[in-house]
Amino acid sequence: MIPAIDVRHINPFLQSSISIVESVASVKMTVGKPQKTDFFFKDMTYAIQVGVVGEMKGQVIIAISEDNAKDIASKMMYGMPVNELDDMACSALNELSNMIMGNTATIFSTLGILIDITPPLAVHGADLQLKSDIEGIKVPLLNDGKEYIGLYICVLEDK
């Protein structure tokens, strides 16, 4: 397995994720303890995968429990109740991933690292297992001490 991203490059992903989620969903976020991951999602999860290309390559997965995904989608749609992850709710969540990763690319550009992102690809279900040749790091993003979003960074520098 190829080693994961240099830990110095994790902060742009975190900074962007926290800033965007707080801005569009009004949810106060803190960072939990990073850990290696096996990319296994046991519970009902909405997982959005965005590819990273350019001077870094790999994938970022934004994994959200079904209940938290409904909560975020509702807040993004100005409080409209979201009882199921229908096309409109999924579109809002996918746009959230675009906003997070687009902002991350902008932050990296200020550091002299040029990356681009691919369109999001989402999966929804339980007992999901993803595989990668690049070692992944999971950083839980917490709200009130509980995981609200799982940020899975599976990226390496392309030197």
Protein backbone atom coordinates (compact mmCIF):
# COMPACT_ATOMS: atom_id res chain seq x y z
CA MET A 1 0.00 0.00 0.00
CA ILE A 2 1.24 3.48 -0.88
CA PRO A 3 1.74 5.75 2.18
CA ALA A 4 -0.81 8.49 2.82
CA ILE A 5 -0.49 12.21 2.40
CA ASP A 6 2.08 14.13 4.41
CA VAL A 7 0.38 15.23 7.64
CA ARG A 8 1.35 18.85 6.92
CA HIS A 9 -1.11 18.80 4.05
CA ILE A 10 -4.14 17.67 6.06
CA ASN A 11 -4.93 21.14 7.42
CA PRO A 12 -6.29 22.60 4.13
CA PHE A 13 -8.85 19.76 3.98
CA LEU A 14 -9.86 20.35 7.61
CA GLN A 15 -9.90 24.12 7.37
CA SER A 16 -12.10 24.02 4.30
CA SER A 17 -14.48 21.35 5.64
CA ILE A 18 -15.06 23.15 8.92
CA SER A 19 -15.45 26.56 7.30
CA ILE A 20 -17.89 25.42 4.62
CA VAL A 21 -20.06 23.24 6.90
CA GLU A 22 -20.26 26.00 9.51
CA SER A 23 -21.15 28.50 6.78
CA VAL A 24 -23.84 26.56 4.88
CA ALA A 25 -25.29 24.40 7.69
CA SER A 26 -24.61 26.54 10.78
CA VAL A 27 -23.07 23.56 12.57
CA LYS A 28 -20.13 24.26 14.90
CA MET A 29 -17.39 21.73 14.19
CA THR A 30 -14.25 20.58 15.98
CA VAL A 31 -11.60 18.12 14.86
CA GLY A 32 -11.39 14.64 16.37
CA LYS A 33 -8.36 12.38 16.49
CA PRO A 34 -7.04 11.35 13.05
CA GLN A 35 -6.57 7.62 12.47
CA LYS A 36 -5.80 5.16 9.70
CA THR A 37 -8.94 3.78 8.11
CA ASP A 38 -10.22 0.64 6.44
CA PHE A 39 -13.00 2.50 4.56
CA PHE A 40 -15.76 0.35 6.05
CA PHE A 41 -19.11 2.03 6.72
CA LYS A 42 -21.25 -0.26 8.86
CA ASP A 43 -24.27 2.00 9.48
CA MET A 44 -26.48 3.79 6.93
CA THR A 45 -24.11 6.30 5.40
CA TYR A 46 -24.12 8.85 2.61
CA ALA A 47 -20.55 8.85 1.30
CA ILE A 48 -19.39 11.33 -1.33
CA GLN A 49 -16.14 10.59 -3.16
CA VAL A 50 -14.27 13.40 -4.91
CA GLY A 51 -11.13 12.73 -6.92
CA VAL A 52 -8.04 14.89 -6.58
CA VAL A 53 -5.74 15.40 -9.58
CA GLY A 54 -2.73 17.59 -10.29
CA GLU A 55 0.22 17.90 -7.93
CA MET A 56 -1.67 15.60 -5.54
CA LYS A 57 -3.60 12.53 -6.58
CA GLY A 58 -6.19 10.36 -4.90
CA GLN A 59 -9.63 10.56 -3.36
CA VAL A 60 -11.39 12.34 -0.54
CA ILE A 61 -14.52 10.81 0.92
CA ILE A 62 -16.98 12.80 2.96
CA ALA A 63 -19.01 10.25 4.92
CA ILE A 64 -22.14 11.35 6.74
CA SER A 65 -24.58 9.23 8.73
CA GLU A 66 -28.02 9.16 7.14
CA ASP A 67 -29.54 11.26 9.95
CA ASN A 68 -26.77 13.86 9.79
CA ALA A 69 -27.04 13.93 5.98
CA LYS A 70 -30.76 14.71 6.27
CA ASP A 71 -29.98 17.41 8.84
CA ILE A 72 -27.33 19.04 6.63
CA ALA A 73 -29.50 18.86 3.50
CA SER A 74 -32.41 20.43 5.41
CA LYS A 75 -30.22 23.29 6.64
CA MET A 76 -28.81 23.82 3.14
CA MET A 77 -32.40 24.08 1.85
CA TYR A 78 -33.32 26.80 4.38
CA GLY A 79 -35.00 24.46 6.87
CA MET A 80 -37.17 22.51 4.46
CA PRO A 81 -37.87 19.15 6.16
CA VAL A 82 -35.85 16.29 4.69
CA ASN A 83 -37.39 12.93 5.56
CA GLU A 84 -35.48 10.95 2.95
CA LEU A 85 -32.38 11.41 0.85
CA ASP A 86 -34.21 12.12 -2.39
CA ASP A 87 -32.69 13.67 -5.52
CA MET A 88 -32.88 17.22 -4.16
CA ALA A 89 -31.28 16.33 -0.81
CA CYS A 90 -28.54 14.34 -2.56
CA SER A 91 -27.89 17.24 -4.93
CA ALA A 92 -27.44 19.56 -1.93
CA LEU A 93 -25.02 17.15 -0.26
CA ASN A 94 -23.03 16.67 -3.47
CA GLU A 95 -22.83 20.44 -3.84
CA LEU A 96 -21.52 20.61 -0.28
CA SER A 97 -18.67 18.30 -1.33
CA ASN A 98 -17.96 20.53 -4.35
CA MET A 99 -17.82 23.58 -2.11
CA ILE A 100 -15.51 21.89 0.41
CA MET A 101 -13.14 20.48 -2.18
CA GLY A 102 -13.16 23.59 -4.38
CA ASN A 103 -12.22 25.68 -1.35
CA THR A 104 -9.54 23.11 -0.46
CA ALA A 105 -8.06 23.49 -3.97
CA THR A 106 -7.99 27.26 -3.46
CA ILE A 107 -6.20 26.91 -0.12
CA PHE A 108 -3.61 24.57 -1.67
CA SER A 109 -3.05 27.06 -4.51
CA THR A 110 -2.05 29.71 -1.95
CA LEU A 111 0.58 27.21 -0.76
CA GLY A 112 1.88 26.78 -4.32
CA ILE A 113 0.30 23.34 -4.76
CA LEU A 114 -2.02 23.11 -7.74
CA ILE A 115 -4.81 20.55 -7.63
CA ASP A 116 -8.14 20.08 -9.34
CA ILE A 117 -11.14 18.00 -8.38
CA THR A 118 -13.43 15.58 -10.18
CA PRO A 119 -17.22 15.66 -10.00
CA PRO A 120 -18.59 13.95 -6.88
CA LEU A 121 -19.72 10.34 -6.86
CA ALA A 122 -22.02 9.35 -4.00
CA VAL A 123 -23.04 6.02 -2.51
CA HIS A 124 -25.75 5.49 0.08
CA GLY A 125 -26.22 2.39 2.18
CA ALA A 126 -24.98 0.24 5.03
CA ASP A 127 -22.11 -2.23 5.18
CA LEU A 128 -20.22 -0.35 2.47
CA GLN A 129 -16.56 -1.28 1.90
CA LEU A 130 -14.29 0.82 -0.29
CA LYS A 131 -10.76 -0.16 -1.32
CA SER A 132 -7.76 1.97 -2.21
CA ASP A 133 -4.10 1.46 -3.08
CA ILE A 134 -3.33 4.64 -1.12
CA GLU A 135 -3.38 4.52 2.65
CA GLY A 136 -6.33 6.47 4.02
CA ILE A 137 -6.59 8.77 7.01
CA LYS A 138 -9.94 9.40 8.69
CA VAL A 139 -10.47 12.64 10.54
CA PRO A 140 -13.75 12.81 12.43
CA LEU A 141 -15.38 16.23 12.42
CA LEU A 142 -17.31 16.58 15.65
CA ASN A 143 -20.37 18.50 16.74
CA ASP A 144 -21.00 18.55 20.51
CA GLY A 145 -18.32 15.87 20.92
CA LYS A 146 -20.00 13.40 18.53
CA GLU A 147 -18.91 12.57 14.99
CA TYR A 148 -20.97 14.62 12.57
CA ILE A 149 -18.93 14.03 9.41
CA GLY A 150 -16.12 11.62 8.65
CA LEU A 151 -13.45 13.12 6.41
CA TYR A 152 -11.44 10.39 4.68
CA ILE A 153 -8.28 11.66 2.99
CA CYS A 154 -6.65 9.21 0.62
CA VAL A 155 -4.25 11.44 -1.30
CA LEU A 156 -0.53 11.53 -2.07
CA GLU A 157 1.79 14.10 -3.56
CA ASP A 158 2.66 13.48 -7.19
CA LYS A 159 6.32 14.53 -7.31
